[in-house]
Amino acid sequence: MGRLLVTTGVLSLALFIAATDQTIVATATVRISEEFNALSLAPWLVNAYLLSSAAIQPSIGKLSDIFGRTPMLLLGIGMFAIGSLVCALAKSMTMLLAGRAIAGVGSAAIIGLTLVIVSDIVPMRKRGPYMAVFSLVFSVSSVIGPLLGGVFTDHVSWRWIFWLSEPICGFVIMAVTLLLRNKLPRRATTSVWVQVCGIDWLGILLLVGGILSLLLGLTFPSMGTLWSAPKVISCLVVGIVVIEVFIIVEWRVALDPVVPLRLFRIRNVASMMAASFFMGACLFTPIYYILIYHTVVRNTSSTIAGIYMLPFVVGIMLTSILSGFLVMKLGIYRPFIWAGTALCAVGLGLLALLDQNSNMAARLCYLLIAGLGAGALIQLSLIAGQAAVEPEDMASTTSVLTFFRSIGSIFGMAIMQTIMSSTLRDRIGLLKDQHGLYADVISAALDKPSVIYSSNVPIDVRSGIVDAYMHSLHLVFLALIPFGVLMFISSIPLEHKRLARRLPPGLVAD
């Protein structure tokens, strides 16, 4: 028991640095984008991170089977530290995005392996409290992340967001090296080279290429390109074709597919794949756009904007912990998933009621409701999927469900940014026609919102720009509603699976 608690503590430290990085950048996004004059590229601060993370997630379980859980975890922490260093030293948006992509690879290894290791050493029925600890880490980091990001951005420099990771990564590497000993048996008996060659690299390449092509097709319109433009159509068509080829390769060619299609035939896994996809959009998109709402429309500082996000992350923390313990006590999970997804859909729907004059109670309560609903699904989606598969598919199922959540986040961000940017550009264009003398200021507001509140901007011009932002955000919040509803609908087919009280033979907690 003592070894298990130490292992959990070390894994929580590793998880903390990766989880914090997902939210700490959010409050600094507007300021970073202004420095590089690239607010339209701001979603790629999230998407570059999530895309590289999603690319490696499906193979994390297989790589850890070959090289061991601990070495792969150490490699992930090292990659995360390198990526953060590149971001801290970035001289351009391109360099910053490259650093975010490298950090995303490390994050995937950290988050994926902490979940896999716990699945290896803790019986299903007793897994709830340990998953609740990780949910608590996620929640605490979600609270601390926006606040730290806001404080650094307002009072020091946004670069300290990334410098902060370096000493923490160093400490975690030492802790993992000294304390975490993994004695889990290896399934494979063939050589390492044969096992590495057996990984579905073709499938990974096709999957990442197809997703990237689709993302570019969805992102170009947010930068002012027409939907009918050849490069937009080409990217979308190529993306769809490559994804179709990927499915064929996974079905007919790959000996050990990166996304095992047999998992789609398992009712609970397929249900949680779909729910996780929509949950990704419902988790990350509100954080990003609510912060824009507060910093641009409400003209608050990054620190205050981070404080206003607390109801959302506190709601996630409360229900994720509570649902974990209830699952352990009662051995059921479906009612909590159904109630949570329904509540989240309601909370997201309420966000569409926000405007420039919404009072504090409404702004906080809407986010709290959405957070309380989302928290129930974060860890229970993994438990529901894991309960329906054999032990040998546990790592793949965990990785695939995490992968679908990341993909949902990526496409959610891309779709919402396209909606907001295209609407905002249209509104800004009309304003320029109405206020020709201030056309330069109005145009600058697209990539540098701080100019809106400059002293030389007339009240009517300022009001018009703020209205344009609010109208665009309103459409984004409306577009979130279908994601919430589909998340709930996807969870309905779940069937109850008994949660094991003991580990399968051959797996023993250290």
Protein backbone atom coordinates (compact mmCIF):
# COMPACT_ATOMS: atom_id res chain seq x y z
CA MET A 1 0.00 0.00 0.00
CA GLY A 2 2.87 2.37 0.84
CA ARG A 3 4.53 1.77 -2.52
CA LEU A 4 1.23 2.40 -4.26
CA LEU A 5 0.77 5.73 -2.49
CA VAL A 6 4.30 6.81 -3.37
CA THR A 7 3.71 5.82 -6.99
CA THR A 8 0.49 7.81 -7.04
CA GLY A 9 2.25 10.84 -5.59
CA VAL A 10 5.03 10.75 -8.17
CA LEU A 11 2.59 10.28 -11.03
CA SER A 12 0.52 13.19 -9.72
CA LEU A 13 3.59 15.45 -9.82
CA ALA A 14 4.25 14.47 -13.42
CA LEU A 15 0.62 14.95 -14.32
CA PHE A 16 0.53 18.38 -12.68
CA ILE A 17 3.07 19.97 -15.01
CA ALA A 18 1.32 18.65 -18.13
CA ALA A 19 -2.17 19.56 -16.93
CA THR A 20 -1.16 23.07 -15.89
CA ASP A 21 0.29 23.75 -19.33
CA GLN A 22 -3.11 23.12 -20.92
CA THR A 23 -4.67 26.09 -19.12
CA ILE A 24 -1.84 28.41 -18.08
CA VAL A 25 -1.45 29.66 -21.67
CA ALA A 26 -5.15 30.48 -22.02
CA THR A 27 -5.08 33.75 -20.06
CA ALA A 28 -1.97 34.90 -21.93
CA THR A 29 -3.26 34.08 -25.42
CA VAL A 30 -4.47 37.59 -26.26
CA ARG A 31 -1.27 39.24 -24.97
CA ILE A 32 0.99 36.77 -26.80
CA SER A 33 -0.98 37.21 -30.02
CA GLU A 34 -0.75 40.99 -29.73
CA GLU A 35 3.03 40.86 -29.32
CA PHE A 36 3.33 38.92 -32.58
CA ASN A 37 0.33 40.67 -34.22
CA ALA A 38 -1.38 37.34 -34.90
CA LEU A 39 -4.64 36.98 -32.96
CA SER A 40 -6.09 34.97 -35.87
CA LEU A 41 -3.37 32.38 -35.22
CA ALA A 42 -4.05 32.29 -31.48
CA PRO A 43 -6.05 29.01 -31.58
CA TRP A 44 -2.92 27.31 -32.91
CA LEU A 45 -1.30 27.92 -29.53
CA VAL A 46 -3.77 25.29 -28.37
CA ASN A 47 -4.08 23.29 -31.59
CA ALA A 48 -0.31 22.84 -32.14
CA TYR A 49 -0.09 21.46 -28.62
CA LEU A 50 -3.15 19.23 -28.92
CA LEU A 51 -2.38 17.99 -32.45
CA SER A 52 1.12 16.77 -31.58
CA SER A 53 -0.27 15.31 -28.38
CA ALA A 54 -3.03 13.49 -30.26
CA ALA A 55 -0.53 12.18 -32.82
CA ILE A 56 1.47 10.28 -30.22
CA GLN A 57 -1.33 9.29 -27.83
CA PRO A 58 -2.55 6.14 -29.63
CA SER A 59 0.96 4.66 -29.68
CA ILE A 60 1.95 5.56 -26.11
CA GLY A 61 0.58 2.31 -24.70
CA LYS A 62 2.41 0.20 -27.30
CA LEU A 63 5.70 2.07 -26.88
CA SER A 64 5.52 1.66 -23.12
CA ASP A 65 4.91 -2.07 -23.57
CA ILE A 66 8.18 -2.22 -25.53
CA PHE A 67 10.46 0.13 -23.60
CA GLY A 68 8.76 0.15 -20.20
CA ARG A 69 6.42 2.62 -18.54
CA THR A 70 9.06 4.52 -16.55
CA PRO A 71 11.58 5.16 -19.40
CA MET A 72 8.79 6.43 -21.65
CA LEU A 73 7.49 8.65 -18.85
CA LEU A 74 10.96 10.14 -18.35
CA LEU A 75 11.27 10.72 -22.10
CA GLY A 76 7.91 12.49 -22.09
CA ILE A 77 8.93 14.80 -19.23
CA GLY A 78 12.19 15.59 -21.06
CA MET A 79 10.32 16.44 -24.30
CA PHE A 80 7.95 18.64 -22.34
CA ALA A 81 10.87 20.54 -20.78
CA ILE A 82 12.50 21.07 -24.20
CA GLY A 83 9.25 22.35 -25.71
CA SER A 84 8.71 24.78 -22.83
CA LEU A 85 12.26 26.08 -23.24
CA VAL A 86 11.68 26.76 -26.95
CA CYS A 87 8.48 28.66 -26.09
CA ALA A 88 10.23 30.75 -23.45
CA LEU A 89 12.90 31.78 -25.96
CA ALA A 90 10.50 32.26 -28.92
CA LYS A 91 11.22 35.21 -31.20
CA SER A 92 8.25 34.64 -33.52
CA MET A 93 4.85 33.01 -33.59
CA THR A 94 6.28 30.19 -35.71
CA MET A 95 8.95 29.40 -33.12
CA LEU A 96 6.39 29.56 -30.34
CA LEU A 97 4.08 27.13 -32.15
CA ALA A 98 7.00 24.75 -32.74
CA GLY A 99 7.74 24.76 -29.03
CA ARG A 100 4.09 24.11 -28.23
CA ALA A 101 4.12 21.12 -30.61
CA ILE A 102 7.19 19.63 -28.90
CA ALA A 103 5.65 20.15 -25.46
CA GLY A 104 2.47 18.49 -26.71
CA VAL A 105 4.37 15.29 -27.50
CA GLY A 106 5.76 15.24 -23.97
CA SER A 107 2.36 15.99 -22.49
CA ALA A 108 0.81 13.04 -24.33
CA ALA A 109 3.35 10.67 -22.81
CA ILE A 110 2.88 12.08 -19.33
CA ILE A 111 -0.92 12.10 -19.30
CA GLY A 112 -1.31 8.82 -21.17
CA LEU A 113 1.18 6.86 -19.06
CA THR A 114 -0.10 8.06 -15.69
CA LEU A 115 -3.51 6.68 -16.65
CA VAL A 116 -2.06 3.46 -18.06
CA ILE A 117 0.13 2.81 -15.02
CA VAL A 118 -2.79 3.21 -12.64
CA SER A 119 -4.86 0.89 -14.85
CA ASP A 120 -2.05 -1.66 -14.53
CA ILE A 121 -1.70 -1.65 -10.77
CA VAL A 122 -5.15 -0.83 -9.35
CA PRO A 123 -8.25 -3.07 -9.64
CA MET A 124 -11.19 -1.62 -11.58
CA ARG A 125 -13.58 -1.33 -8.62
CA LYS A 126 -10.92 0.45 -6.51
CA ARG A 127 -9.74 2.68 -9.32
CA GLY A 128 -12.21 5.49 -8.64
CA PRO A 129 -10.31 7.19 -5.77
CA TYR A 130 -7.01 7.06 -7.64
CA MET A 131 -8.62 8.48 -10.77
CA ALA A 132 -10.21 11.07 -8.48
CA VAL A 133 -6.74 12.06 -7.26
CA PHE A 134 -5.68 12.62 -10.86
CA SER A 135 -8.89 14.53 -11.51
CA LEU A 136 -8.06 16.64 -8.46
CA VAL A 137 -4.61 17.31 -9.94
CA PHE A 138 -6.25 18.30 -13.23
CA SER A 139 -8.72 20.51 -11.41
CA VAL A 140 -6.16 22.19 -9.14
CA SER A 141 -3.89 22.82 -12.11
CA SER A 142 -6.88 24.18 -14.01
CA VAL A 143 -7.47 26.64 -11.18
CA ILE A 144 -3.81 27.55 -10.70
CA GLY A 145 -3.02 27.65 -14.43
CA PRO A 146 -5.22 30.59 -15.50
CA LEU A 147 -4.34 32.52 -12.33
CA LEU A 148 -0.58 32.06 -12.76
CA GLY A 149 -0.87 32.83 -16.46
CA GLY A 150 -2.74 36.02 -15.71
CA VAL A 151 -0.35 37.13 -12.96
CA PHE A 152 2.76 36.49 -15.07
CA THR A 153 1.21 38.17 -18.11
CA ASP A 154 0.08 41.27 -16.21
CA HIS A 155 3.01 41.75 -13.84
CA VAL A 156 6.12 40.06 -15.31
CA SER A 157 6.08 38.53 -18.77
CA TRP A 158 4.14 35.77 -20.48
CA ARG A 159 7.49 34.03 -21.07
CA TRP A 160 7.63 33.14 -17.38
CA ILE A 161 4.70 30.84 -18.02
CA PHE A 162 7.14 28.56 -19.82
CA TRP A 163 10.22 29.23 -17.66
CA LEU A 164 8.20 27.99 -14.68
CA SER A 165 8.08 24.48 -16.15
CA GLU A 166 11.86 23.99 -16.22
CA PRO A 167 12.66 23.57 -12.49
CA ILE A 168 9.46 21.57 -11.94
CA CYS A 169 10.38 19.19 -14.79
CA GLY A 170 13.85 18.76 -13.30
CA PHE A 171 12.43 17.88 -9.90
CA VAL A 172 9.89 15.45 -11.35
CA ILE A 173 12.57 13.68 -13.41
CA MET A 174 14.63 13.13 -10.25
CA ALA A 175 11.57 11.96 -8.32
CA VAL A 176 10.53 9.50 -11.02
CA THR A 177 14.09 8.18 -11.36
CA LEU A 178 14.54 7.66 -7.62
CA LEU A 179 11.08 6.62 -6.49
CA LEU A 180 9.09 5.11 -9.32
CA ARG A 181 9.96 1.47 -9.91
CA ASN A 182 7.76 -0.36 -12.37
CA LYS A 183 7.79 -4.15 -12.15
CA LEU A 184 4.91 -4.78 -14.48
CA PRO A 185 5.48 -7.83 -16.68
CA ARG A 186 6.06 -7.31 -20.39
CA ARG A 187 3.69 -9.07 -22.74
CA ALA A 188 6.04 -9.30 -25.71
CA THR A 189 8.90 -11.79 -26.01
CA THR A 190 10.31 -10.66 -29.38
CA SER A 191 13.21 -8.24 -29.83
CA VAL A 192 12.79 -4.50 -29.33
CA TRP A 193 13.56 -3.80 -33.01
CA VAL A 194 10.84 -6.19 -34.18
CA GLN A 195 8.37 -4.64 -31.77
CA VAL A 196 9.21 -1.08 -32.86
CA CYS A 197 8.87 -2.03 -36.53
CA GLY A 198 5.56 -3.65 -35.68
CA ILE A 199 4.07 -0.32 -34.56
CA ASP A 200 1.63 1.07 -37.09
CA TRP A 201 3.78 4.00 -38.23
CA LEU A 202 1.92 4.22 -41.55
CA GLY A 203 -1.36 4.56 -39.69
CA ILE A 204 0.07 7.29 -37.43
CA LEU A 205 1.39 9.21 -40.46
CA LEU A 206 -1.92 8.97 -42.32
CA LEU A 207 -3.93 9.93 -39.26
CA VAL A 208 -1.86 12.99 -38.42
CA GLY A 209 -1.66 14.05 -42.08
CA GLY A 210 -5.41 13.74 -42.57
CA ILE A 211 -6.24 15.64 -39.40
CA LEU A 212 -3.71 18.39 -40.18
CA SER A 213 -5.10 18.80 -43.70
CA LEU A 214 -8.66 19.09 -42.39
CA LEU A 215 -7.56 21.58 -39.74
CA LEU A 216 -5.86 23.78 -42.32
CA GLY A 217 -8.99 23.67 -44.46
CA LEU A 218 -11.07 24.78 -41.49
CA THR A 219 -8.55 27.40 -40.35
CA PHE A 220 -7.86 29.26 -43.62
CA PRO A 221 -11.36 30.87 -43.65
CA SER A 222 -10.65 32.31 -40.19
CA MET A 223 -7.69 34.15 -41.75
CA GLY A 224 -9.81 35.78 -44.43
CA THR A 225 -9.68 33.12 -47.16
CA LEU A 226 -12.98 32.33 -48.91
CA TRP A 227 -14.51 28.89 -48.38
CA SER A 228 -14.57 28.48 -52.16
CA ALA A 229 -10.81 29.14 -52.47
CA PRO A 230 -8.86 26.28 -54.09
CA LYS A 231 -6.53 25.78 -51.12
CA VAL A 232 -9.47 25.45 -48.71
CA ILE A 233 -11.29 22.93 -50.89
CA SER A 234 -8.03 21.05 -51.59
CA CYS A 235 -7.17 20.73 -47.90
CA LEU A 236 -10.65 19.49 -46.99
CA VAL A 237 -10.77 16.98 -49.85
CA VAL A 238 -7.24 15.70 -49.20
CA GLY A 239 -7.99 15.40 -45.48
CA ILE A 240 -11.14 13.35 -46.08
CA VAL A 241 -9.39 11.07 -48.59
CA VAL A 242 -6.39 10.51 -46.32
CA ILE A 243 -8.65 9.65 -43.36
CA GLU A 244 -10.49 7.14 -45.58
CA VAL A 245 -7.16 5.59 -46.57
CA PHE A 246 -6.22 5.46 -42.89
CA ILE A 247 -9.39 3.51 -42.09
CA ILE A 248 -8.64 1.02 -44.89
CA VAL A 249 -5.06 0.61 -43.65
CA GLU A 250 -6.25 -0.01 -40.09
CA TRP A 251 -8.86 -2.48 -41.33
CA ARG A 252 -6.92 -4.46 -43.91
CA VAL A 253 -3.20 -3.73 -43.72
CA ALA A 254 -1.93 -2.94 -40.22
CA LEU A 255 -0.99 -6.00 -38.17
CA ASP A 256 -1.20 -4.06 -34.92
CA PRO A 257 -3.31 -0.98 -35.76
CA VAL A 258 -2.74 2.25 -33.87
CA VAL A 259 -6.53 2.60 -33.55
CA PRO A 260 -7.84 -0.98 -33.33
CA LEU A 261 -11.10 -1.00 -35.27
CA ARG A 262 -12.31 -3.93 -33.18
CA LEU A 263 -12.75 -1.46 -30.32
CA PHE A 264 -15.50 0.24 -32.35
CA ARG A 265 -17.50 -2.99 -32.14
CA ILE A 266 -17.54 -2.78 -28.33
CA ARG A 267 -20.63 -0.81 -27.46
CA ASN A 268 -19.32 1.03 -24.39
CA VAL A 269 -15.99 1.90 -26.00
CA ALA A 270 -17.64 3.22 -29.17
CA SER A 271 -20.08 5.25 -27.06
CA MET A 272 -17.28 6.76 -24.98
CA MET A 273 -15.19 7.49 -28.09
CA ALA A 274 -18.00 9.65 -29.45
CA ALA A 275 -18.72 11.24 -26.07
CA SER A 276 -15.01 11.95 -25.53
CA PHE A 277 -14.78 13.65 -28.93
CA PHE A 278 -17.60 16.06 -28.13
CA MET A 279 -16.37 16.46 -24.55
CA GLY A 280 -13.02 17.73 -25.89
CA ALA A 281 -14.75 20.68 -27.55
CA CYS A 282 -16.90 21.29 -24.47
CA LEU A 283 -13.87 21.39 -22.14
CA PHE A 284 -11.30 23.53 -23.95
CA THR A 285 -13.35 25.85 -26.16
CA PRO A 286 -15.27 27.59 -23.33
CA ILE A 287 -12.01 28.33 -21.47
CA TYR A 288 -10.47 30.06 -24.47
CA TYR A 289 -13.52 32.09 -25.56
CA ILE A 290 -14.73 33.03 -22.09
CA LEU A 291 -11.30 34.54 -21.50
CA ILE A 292 -11.64 36.54 -24.73
CA TYR A 293 -15.07 37.63 -23.55
CA HIS A 294 -13.65 39.00 -20.31
CA THR A 295 -10.41 40.53 -21.63
CA VAL A 296 -11.87 42.09 -24.80
CA VAL A 297 -15.59 42.66 -24.22
CA ARG A 298 -15.44 43.30 -20.47
CA ASN A 299 -11.93 44.89 -20.63
CA THR A 300 -10.58 43.05 -17.58
CA SER A 301 -6.95 42.17 -16.91
CA SER A 302 -5.64 38.68 -17.60
CA THR A 303 -5.50 38.01 -13.85
CA ILE A 304 -9.15 38.96 -13.30
CA ALA A 305 -10.18 36.94 -16.35
CA GLY A 306 -8.45 33.92 -14.83
CA ILE A 307 -10.36 34.42 -11.59
CA TYR A 308 -13.66 34.49 -13.49
CA MET A 309 -12.82 31.02 -14.86
CA LEU A 310 -12.77 29.52 -11.35
CA PRO A 311 -16.45 28.42 -11.32
CA PHE A 312 -15.88 26.26 -14.41
CA VAL A 313 -12.78 24.50 -13.11
CA VAL A 314 -14.08 24.23 -9.53
CA GLY A 315 -17.25 22.62 -10.89
CA ILE A 316 -15.15 20.10 -12.81
CA MET A 317 -13.10 19.39 -9.69
CA LEU A 318 -16.10 18.80 -7.44
CA THR A 319 -17.98 16.35 -9.64
CA SER A 320 -14.90 14.49 -10.85
CA ILE A 321 -13.87 13.73 -7.27
CA LEU A 322 -17.39 12.98 -6.05
CA SER A 323 -18.24 10.71 -8.99
CA GLY A 324 -14.99 8.75 -8.49
CA PHE A 325 -15.85 7.91 -4.89
CA LEU A 326 -19.47 7.12 -5.73
CA VAL A 327 -18.35 4.67 -8.38
CA MET A 328 -16.10 2.93 -5.83
CA LYS A 329 -18.93 2.70 -3.29
CA LEU A 330 -21.82 1.81 -5.60
CA GLY A 331 -20.10 0.07 -8.51
CA ILE A 332 -22.19 1.97 -11.10
CA TYR A 333 -21.26 4.77 -13.44
CA ARG A 334 -23.96 5.23 -16.10
CA PRO A 335 -26.31 7.49 -14.09
CA PHE A 336 -23.46 9.88 -13.29
CA ILE A 337 -22.38 10.04 -16.94
CA TRP A 338 -25.93 10.68 -18.14
CA ALA A 339 -26.60 13.35 -15.52
CA GLY A 340 -23.23 15.01 -16.09
CA THR A 341 -23.46 15.24 -19.86
CA ALA A 342 -27.02 16.58 -19.68
CA LEU A 343 -26.02 19.22 -17.12
CA CYS A 344 -23.01 20.24 -19.21
CA ALA A 345 -25.22 20.69 -22.28
CA VAL A 346 -27.52 22.96 -20.26
CA GLY A 347 -24.60 25.02 -18.95
CA LEU A 348 -23.17 25.50 -22.44
CA GLY A 349 -26.60 26.57 -23.66
CA LEU A 350 -26.77 29.21 -20.94
CA LEU A 351 -23.48 30.74 -22.12
CA ALA A 352 -25.32 31.87 -25.26
CA LEU A 353 -27.28 34.28 -23.04
CA LEU A 354 -24.18 36.30 -22.16
CA ASP A 355 -23.82 39.86 -23.44
CA GLN A 356 -21.83 43.00 -22.58
CA ASN A 357 -24.11 43.77 -19.66
CA SER A 358 -24.49 40.31 -18.08
CA ASN A 359 -24.19 40.55 -14.31
CA MET A 360 -21.57 38.68 -12.32
CA ALA A 361 -24.02 36.12 -10.93
CA ALA A 362 -25.04 35.01 -14.42
CA ARG A 363 -21.45 34.86 -15.69
CA LEU A 364 -20.33 32.73 -12.76
CA CYS A 365 -23.38 30.46 -12.49
CA TYR A 366 -23.44 29.51 -16.18
CA LEU A 367 -19.81 28.40 -16.01
CA LEU A 368 -20.37 26.53 -12.74
CA ILE A 369 -23.24 24.53 -14.24
CA ALA A 370 -21.19 23.61 -17.32
CA GLY A 371 -18.21 22.64 -15.15
CA LEU A 372 -20.26 20.48 -12.79
CA GLY A 373 -21.57 18.54 -15.77
CA ALA A 374 -18.24 18.14 -17.55
CA GLY A 375 -16.46 16.88 -14.44
CA ALA A 376 -18.57 13.75 -14.25
CA LEU A 377 -17.45 12.52 -17.66
CA ILE A 378 -13.70 13.19 -17.56
CA GLN A 379 -12.69 10.13 -15.57
CA LEU A 380 -15.87 8.05 -15.86
CA SER A 381 -15.50 7.86 -19.64
CA LEU A 382 -12.22 5.99 -19.10
CA ILE A 383 -13.70 3.70 -16.47
CA ALA A 384 -16.71 2.90 -18.68
CA GLY A 385 -14.44 2.07 -21.62
CA GLN A 386 -11.91 0.08 -19.59
CA ALA A 387 -14.64 -1.99 -17.93
CA ALA A 388 -15.77 -3.30 -21.33
CA VAL A 389 -12.40 -4.59 -22.64
CA GLU A 390 -9.96 -7.38 -21.88
CA PRO A 391 -6.78 -6.55 -19.89
CA GLU A 392 -4.61 -6.72 -23.03
CA ASP A 393 -6.69 -3.92 -24.60
CA MET A 394 -6.61 -1.70 -21.51
CA ALA A 395 -3.70 0.49 -22.64
CA SER A 396 -5.03 0.84 -26.19
CA THR A 397 -8.50 1.75 -24.95
CA THR A 398 -7.13 4.38 -22.55
CA SER A 399 -4.96 5.90 -25.27
CA VAL A 400 -7.72 5.89 -27.88
CA LEU A 401 -10.26 7.53 -25.56
CA THR A 402 -7.74 10.21 -24.61
CA PHE A 403 -6.95 10.60 -28.31
CA PHE A 404 -10.59 11.20 -29.23
CA ARG A 405 -10.89 13.83 -26.51
CA SER A 406 -7.86 15.66 -27.92
CA ILE A 407 -9.18 15.43 -31.48
CA GLY A 408 -12.50 16.84 -30.31
CA SER A 409 -10.65 19.74 -28.70
CA ILE A 410 -8.70 20.42 -31.88
CA PHE A 411 -11.70 20.42 -34.19
CA GLY A 412 -13.81 22.31 -31.66
CA MET A 413 -11.22 25.09 -31.47
CA ALA A 414 -10.79 25.20 -35.25
CA ILE A 415 -14.53 25.33 -35.96
CA MET A 416 -15.20 27.97 -33.31
CA GLN A 417 -12.30 30.14 -34.44
CA THR A 418 -13.54 30.00 -38.02
CA ILE A 419 -17.02 31.04 -36.89
CA MET A 420 -15.68 33.88 -34.77
CA SER A 421 -13.04 35.19 -37.18
CA SER A 422 -15.22 35.12 -40.29
CA THR A 423 -18.08 36.87 -38.46
CA LEU A 424 -15.73 39.36 -36.84
CA ARG A 425 -14.08 40.23 -40.16
CA ASP A 426 -17.47 40.91 -41.73
CA ARG A 427 -18.52 43.15 -38.84
CA ILE A 428 -15.18 44.96 -38.81
CA GLY A 429 -15.51 45.57 -42.56
CA LEU A 430 -18.87 47.25 -42.05
CA LEU A 431 -17.44 49.39 -39.25
CA LYS A 432 -14.58 50.56 -41.48
CA ASP A 433 -17.13 51.73 -44.05
CA GLN A 434 -19.01 53.66 -41.36
CA HIS A 435 -15.94 55.18 -39.68
CA GLY A 436 -13.44 55.72 -42.47
CA LEU A 437 -11.24 58.04 -40.40
CA TYR A 438 -10.56 55.24 -37.93
CA ALA A 439 -10.21 52.40 -40.45
CA ASP A 440 -6.64 51.65 -39.36
CA VAL A 441 -7.60 51.36 -35.69
CA ILE A 442 -10.61 49.20 -36.50
CA SER A 443 -8.47 46.87 -38.65
CA ALA A 444 -5.81 46.65 -35.93
CA ALA A 445 -8.47 45.48 -33.46
CA LEU A 446 -8.59 42.12 -35.25
CA ASP A 447 -5.10 41.12 -34.11
CA LYS A 448 -4.49 43.60 -31.29
CA PRO A 449 -7.67 44.08 -29.21
CA SER A 450 -5.95 46.38 -26.71
CA VAL A 451 -6.23 49.26 -29.23
CA ILE A 452 -10.00 49.23 -28.65
CA TYR A 453 -9.54 50.96 -25.31
CA SER A 454 -6.93 53.50 -26.40
CA SER A 455 -7.75 57.06 -25.38
CA ASN A 456 -7.82 58.28 -28.98
CA VAL A 457 -10.64 55.90 -29.99
CA PRO A 458 -14.11 57.58 -29.95
CA ILE A 459 -16.82 55.98 -27.83
CA ASP A 460 -19.01 55.08 -30.80
CA VAL A 461 -16.12 53.37 -32.62
CA ARG A 462 -15.12 51.50 -29.47
CA SER A 463 -18.71 50.42 -28.88
CA GLY A 464 -19.00 49.19 -32.46
CA ILE A 465 -15.86 47.04 -32.20
CA VAL A 466 -16.95 45.58 -28.86
CA ASP A 467 -20.39 44.80 -30.34
CA ALA A 468 -18.66 43.04 -33.24
CA TYR A 469 -16.66 40.89 -30.81
CA MET A 470 -19.73 40.13 -28.70
CA HIS A 471 -21.81 39.15 -31.73
CA SER A 472 -19.05 36.81 -32.88
CA LEU A 473 -18.69 35.27 -29.41
CA HIS A 474 -22.46 34.82 -29.22
CA LEU A 475 -22.37 32.69 -32.38
CA VAL A 476 -19.50 30.67 -30.90
CA PHE A 477 -21.48 29.95 -27.73
CA LEU A 478 -24.50 28.96 -29.83
CA ALA A 479 -22.30 26.60 -31.86
CA LEU A 480 -21.18 24.92 -28.62
CA ILE A 481 -24.72 23.76 -27.85
CA PRO A 482 -24.79 20.95 -30.47
CA PHE A 483 -21.50 19.62 -29.10
CA GLY A 484 -23.00 19.42 -25.62
CA VAL A 485 -26.21 17.78 -26.86
CA LEU A 486 -24.30 15.24 -28.97
CA MET A 487 -22.08 14.45 -25.98
CA PHE A 488 -25.21 13.54 -24.00
CA ILE A 489 -26.74 11.54 -26.87
CA SER A 490 -23.49 9.60 -27.35
CA SER A 491 -23.58 8.43 -23.74
CA ILE A 492 -27.14 7.05 -23.89
CA PRO A 493 -26.22 3.62 -25.40
CA LEU A 494 -23.95 2.77 -22.44
CA GLU A 495 -24.65 -0.59 -20.85
CA HIS A 496 -23.62 -1.60 -17.36
CA LYS A 497 -20.44 -3.63 -16.98
CA ARG A 498 -19.39 -5.10 -13.67
CA LEU A 499 -16.35 -3.37 -12.20
CA ALA A 500 -13.71 -5.87 -11.05
CA ARG A 501 -12.62 -5.68 -7.44
CA ARG A 502 -9.28 -7.39 -8.05
CA LEU A 503 -6.48 -7.13 -10.58
CA PRO A 504 -6.29 -9.74 -13.35
CA PRO A 505 -3.75 -12.54 -12.76
CA GLY A 506 -0.20 -11.44 -13.53
CA LEU A 507 -0.61 -7.78 -12.57
CA VAL A 508 0.42 -6.95 -9.04
CA ALA A 509 0.66 -3.51 -7.50
CA ASP A 510 4.17 -2.69 -6.40
